[in-house]
Amino acid sequence: MRYFLLAICIFISLQNASSQTYEVGVVYGGTNFVGDVGSASFVNPMDYISNDKISYGIIMKWNRSPRHAFRFTALSMNTFASDLRAKEPRRLMRGLDFKSTITELSLGLEFNFFEWDLHSIKRPLFTPYIYAGPTYFFTNEFKINTSDQLEKSGDVSTFAIPAVFGMKVTLGRHWVLGAEFGARYTLADNLDGSESEILTFGNSNMNDWYMFSGFTLTYTFGRMPCYCNF
């Protein structure tokens, strides 16, 4: 909750900036974990539509020009991994599983492939976009217990490197609907307990990943912008 309050404070401070266009809204979707436990697929549809993996958050954008925007997101992601969803015989026989919540904060740059001028009379506007920027997350850490099962061993926080692709379209004068897929490469390899003190397993040369697929709905406001060259 404190991260969402922090996001609201940042949003209020942005309102005081002069002559720019802003977006604020919500994010809703699903999260898929890829590591040494569970399915090794980066785009497993059955993982995303699981009822207990709903992810949500808030998003804010400062459209600095028709081609780019500064963007902040705060997301709460529910995810899990189960060896029973894997295709590899060794994982199926091992039968490990876990559930985890990831709290993610990200601030970066969104680049539009087409002109995105929210003050334009032309409607609807549509553009694909990409996003990247510093991302920090908080989540659970796991270990193998004496029963050869995964259990929570504490909390961990570190950085992730995101690569996000999406598409967005205007709905009327003040609403924007978007859909995006993003992969996050984390700077950790023990989110699934693969480097426990009792037992080490999996590929130690590959860190853990998590993916998010979902929708954004934002409300736009602000005076006619005076765009500059950065």
Protein backbone atom coordinates (compact mmCIF):
# COMPACT_ATOMS: atom_id res chain seq x y z
CA MET A 1 0.00 0.00 0.00
CA ARG A 2 2.82 2.45 0.78
CA TYR A 3 4.08 2.14 -2.80
CA PHE A 4 0.68 3.11 -4.20
CA LEU A 5 0.55 6.12 -1.84
CA LEU A 6 3.97 7.13 -3.09
CA ALA A 7 2.72 6.87 -6.67
CA ILE A 8 -0.24 9.13 -5.87
CA CYS A 9 2.11 11.74 -4.40
CA ILE A 10 4.22 11.68 -7.57
CA PHE A 11 1.08 12.09 -9.65
CA ILE A 12 -0.07 15.12 -7.64
CA SER A 13 3.32 16.76 -8.06
CA LEU A 14 3.16 16.26 -11.82
CA GLN A 15 -0.12 18.13 -11.98
CA ASN A 16 1.73 21.30 -11.08
CA ALA A 17 3.98 21.12 -14.14
CA SER A 18 3.09 23.54 -16.91
CA SER A 19 1.42 22.94 -20.27
CA GLN A 20 1.73 19.19 -20.75
CA THR A 21 -0.62 16.26 -21.25
CA TYR A 22 -0.97 13.47 -18.70
CA GLU A 23 -2.56 10.05 -18.46
CA VAL A 24 -3.51 8.22 -15.28
CA GLY A 25 -5.27 4.88 -15.01
CA VAL A 26 -5.26 1.22 -14.10
CA VAL A 27 -3.50 -1.95 -15.25
CA TYR A 28 -5.06 -5.43 -15.18
CA GLY A 29 -3.74 -8.77 -16.41
CA GLY A 30 -1.81 -11.93 -15.58
CA THR A 31 1.79 -12.85 -14.72
CA ASN A 32 3.83 -15.84 -15.83
CA PHE A 33 6.99 -17.01 -14.04
CA VAL A 34 9.85 -18.72 -15.92
CA GLY A 35 12.69 -20.22 -13.93
CA ASP A 36 13.88 -23.59 -12.69
CA VAL A 37 10.45 -24.67 -11.42
CA GLY A 38 7.35 -25.11 -13.56
CA SER A 39 6.83 -24.63 -17.27
CA ALA A 40 9.74 -23.26 -19.27
CA SER A 41 7.37 -21.57 -21.74
CA PHE A 42 7.52 -17.78 -21.91
CA VAL A 43 4.00 -17.53 -23.34
CA ASN A 44 1.88 -20.27 -21.78
CA PRO A 45 -1.80 -19.19 -22.17
CA MET A 46 -3.01 -21.56 -19.43
CA ASP A 47 -0.72 -19.83 -16.92
CA TYR A 48 -2.05 -16.37 -17.73
CA ILE A 49 -5.76 -17.21 -17.42
CA SER A 50 -5.46 -18.92 -14.03
CA ASN A 51 -7.91 -17.30 -11.59
CA ASP A 52 -5.39 -17.01 -8.78
CA LYS A 53 -2.85 -15.13 -10.90
CA ILE A 54 -4.67 -11.83 -11.29
CA SER A 55 -2.28 -8.86 -11.42
CA TYR A 56 -3.23 -5.20 -11.14
CA GLY A 57 -1.83 -1.75 -10.54
CA ILE A 58 -1.73 1.91 -11.54
CA ILE A 59 -0.06 3.67 -14.44
CA MET A 60 0.85 7.33 -15.04
CA LYS A 61 2.26 8.97 -18.17
CA TRP A 62 3.66 12.36 -19.01
CA ASN A 63 3.44 12.73 -22.80
CA ARG A 64 6.54 14.76 -23.43
CA SER A 65 6.14 14.71 -27.23
CA PRO A 66 3.97 12.92 -29.83
CA ARG A 67 6.69 10.25 -29.96
CA HIS A 68 7.61 9.59 -26.34
CA ALA A 69 6.30 9.72 -22.80
CA PHE A 70 7.76 9.32 -19.33
CA ARG A 71 5.89 6.52 -17.58
CA PHE A 72 5.53 5.22 -14.03
CA THR A 73 3.82 1.97 -13.00
CA ALA A 74 3.20 0.29 -9.67
CA LEU A 75 2.02 -3.32 -10.02
CA SER A 76 1.01 -6.13 -7.68
CA MET A 77 1.54 -9.42 -9.50
CA ASN A 78 0.31 -12.81 -8.31
CA THR A 79 2.12 -15.72 -9.88
CA PHE A 80 2.97 -19.38 -9.33
CA ALA A 81 5.00 -22.20 -10.84
CA SER A 82 4.26 -25.92 -10.81
CA ASP A 83 6.39 -28.73 -12.19
CA LEU A 84 3.15 -30.51 -13.13
CA ARG A 85 2.70 -27.90 -15.88
CA ALA A 86 6.15 -28.62 -17.34
CA LYS A 87 6.92 -30.82 -20.32
CA GLU A 88 10.35 -32.00 -19.15
CA PRO A 89 10.19 -35.50 -17.55
CA ARG A 90 12.60 -34.52 -14.75
CA ARG A 91 10.41 -31.63 -13.63
CA LEU A 92 7.25 -33.71 -13.82
CA MET A 93 8.82 -36.37 -11.57
CA ARG A 94 10.17 -33.74 -9.13
CA GLY A 95 6.75 -32.13 -8.56
CA LEU A 96 7.79 -28.84 -6.95
CA ASP A 97 5.47 -25.83 -6.84
CA PHE A 98 5.11 -22.40 -5.20
CA LYS A 99 2.93 -19.27 -5.18
CA SER A 100 4.33 -15.78 -4.90
CA THR A 101 3.42 -12.09 -5.05
CA ILE A 102 5.65 -9.59 -6.85
CA THR A 103 5.39 -5.85 -6.15
CA GLU A 104 6.96 -3.93 -9.01
CA LEU A 105 7.87 -0.24 -9.38
CA SER A 106 9.03 0.97 -12.78
CA LEU A 107 9.93 4.39 -14.17
CA GLY A 108 11.04 4.74 -17.77
CA LEU A 109 10.42 5.84 -21.33
CA GLU A 110 7.57 4.81 -23.64
CA PHE A 111 8.29 5.29 -27.36
CA ASN A 112 5.42 5.54 -29.88
CA PHE A 113 5.87 4.22 -33.41
CA PHE A 114 3.22 6.62 -34.79
CA GLU A 115 2.35 10.21 -33.87
CA TRP A 116 0.45 10.30 -30.57
CA ASP A 117 -0.95 13.81 -30.13
CA LEU A 118 -3.85 13.67 -27.69
CA HIS A 119 -4.83 17.25 -28.60
CA SER A 120 -5.32 16.34 -32.24
CA ILE A 121 -8.85 16.62 -33.64
CA LYS A 122 -8.33 13.40 -35.56
CA ARG A 123 -9.88 10.38 -33.82
CA PRO A 124 -9.29 7.59 -33.15
CA LEU A 125 -5.55 7.62 -32.58
CA PHE A 126 -3.65 4.31 -32.70
CA THR A 127 -0.02 3.34 -32.27
CA PRO A 128 2.19 0.42 -31.26
CA TYR A 129 4.76 1.28 -28.61
CA ILE A 130 7.73 -0.08 -26.68
CA TYR A 131 8.72 0.62 -23.09
CA ALA A 132 11.92 0.21 -21.07
CA GLY A 133 13.29 1.69 -17.88
CA PRO A 134 14.65 1.02 -14.39
CA THR A 135 12.46 -1.54 -12.60
CA TYR A 136 12.67 -2.61 -8.96
CA PHE A 137 10.61 -5.36 -7.37
CA PHE A 138 9.89 -7.01 -4.00
CA THR A 139 8.88 -10.65 -3.67
CA ASN A 140 9.20 -13.87 -1.67
CA GLU A 141 12.26 -16.09 -1.59
CA PHE A 142 11.97 -19.87 -1.32
CA LYS A 143 14.04 -22.84 -0.19
CA ILE A 144 13.80 -26.63 -0.20
CA ASN A 145 12.73 -27.95 3.20
CA THR A 146 13.46 -31.32 4.78
CA SER A 147 10.35 -32.77 3.08
CA ASP A 148 11.80 -31.89 -0.34
CA GLN A 149 9.16 -29.22 -0.88
CA LEU A 150 9.44 -25.47 -1.43
CA GLU A 151 8.66 -23.12 1.45
CA LYS A 152 9.06 -19.37 1.95
CA SER A 153 12.40 -18.44 3.47
CA GLY A 154 12.10 -14.66 3.51
CA ASP A 155 11.82 -11.66 1.24
CA VAL A 156 14.04 -10.42 -1.54
CA SER A 157 14.21 -7.21 -3.55
CA THR A 158 16.30 -6.44 -6.62
CA PHE A 159 16.25 -4.95 -10.09
CA ALA A 160 14.75 -6.32 -13.29
CA ILE A 161 15.33 -5.37 -16.92
CA PRO A 162 12.01 -4.98 -18.77
CA ALA A 163 11.24 -5.23 -22.48
CA VAL A 164 7.61 -4.27 -23.15
CA PHE A 165 5.66 -4.12 -26.40
CA GLY A 166 2.11 -2.83 -26.62
CA MET A 167 -0.62 -1.19 -28.68
CA LYS A 168 -2.99 1.60 -27.65
CA VAL A 169 -6.03 3.36 -29.09
CA THR A 170 -8.10 6.34 -28.02
CA LEU A 171 -11.71 5.88 -26.90
CA GLY A 172 -13.33 9.26 -27.43
CA ARG A 173 -11.60 12.43 -26.22
CA HIS A 174 -10.31 11.43 -22.78
CA TRP A 175 -9.85 7.64 -22.62
CA VAL A 176 -7.07 5.38 -23.91
CA LEU A 177 -7.21 1.57 -24.03
CA GLY A 178 -3.97 -0.36 -24.32
CA ALA A 179 -2.80 -3.97 -24.44
CA GLU A 180 0.78 -5.01 -23.74
CA PHE A 181 3.16 -7.90 -23.17
CA GLY A 182 6.37 -7.46 -21.23
CA ALA A 183 9.23 -9.74 -20.22
CA ARG A 184 11.31 -8.93 -17.13
CA TYR A 185 14.79 -10.39 -16.74
CA THR A 186 15.57 -10.34 -13.03
CA LEU A 187 18.96 -9.99 -11.38
CA ALA A 188 18.20 -13.02 -9.19
CA ASP A 189 18.19 -16.80 -9.58
CA ASN A 190 16.65 -17.93 -6.29
CA LEU A 191 13.05 -16.70 -6.59
CA ASP A 192 12.03 -20.35 -6.99
CA GLY A 193 14.37 -21.84 -4.37
CA SER A 194 16.77 -23.29 -6.94
CA GLU A 195 19.78 -22.15 -4.90
CA SER A 196 18.73 -23.44 -1.49
CA GLU A 197 21.28 -24.32 1.17
CA ILE A 198 20.07 -27.92 1.23
CA LEU A 199 19.81 -28.46 -2.53
CA THR A 200 20.79 -26.62 -5.70
CA PHE A 201 19.06 -27.49 -8.97
CA GLY A 202 18.32 -26.10 -12.42
CA ASN A 203 20.42 -23.90 -14.67
CA SER A 204 22.65 -21.66 -12.58
CA ASN A 205 23.71 -19.71 -15.68
CA MET A 206 20.20 -18.33 -16.29
CA ASN A 207 18.42 -15.95 -13.93
CA ASP A 208 14.68 -15.99 -13.31
CA TRP A 209 12.15 -14.21 -15.54
CA TYR A 210 8.58 -13.08 -15.12
CA MET A 211 6.19 -11.90 -17.83
CA PHE A 212 3.14 -9.69 -17.66
CA SER A 213 0.31 -9.60 -20.21
CA GLY A 214 -2.65 -7.32 -19.71
CA PHE A 215 -4.62 -4.19 -20.43
CA THR A 216 -4.33 -0.53 -19.46
CA LEU A 217 -7.13 2.01 -19.28
CA THR A 218 -6.08 5.63 -18.77
CA TYR A 219 -7.83 8.98 -18.52
CA THR A 220 -6.12 11.89 -20.30
CA PHE A 221 -6.06 15.52 -19.23
CA GLY A 222 -3.91 18.64 -19.48
CA ARG A 223 -3.60 21.80 -21.51
CA MET A 224 -2.23 22.06 -25.04
CA PRO A 225 1.43 20.97 -24.72
CA CYS A 226 4.43 22.98 -25.78
CA TYR A 227 6.65 20.11 -26.91
CA CYS A 228 10.40 20.41 -26.80
CA ASN A 229 13.22 18.36 -28.31
CA PHE A 230 14.02 15.89 -25.53
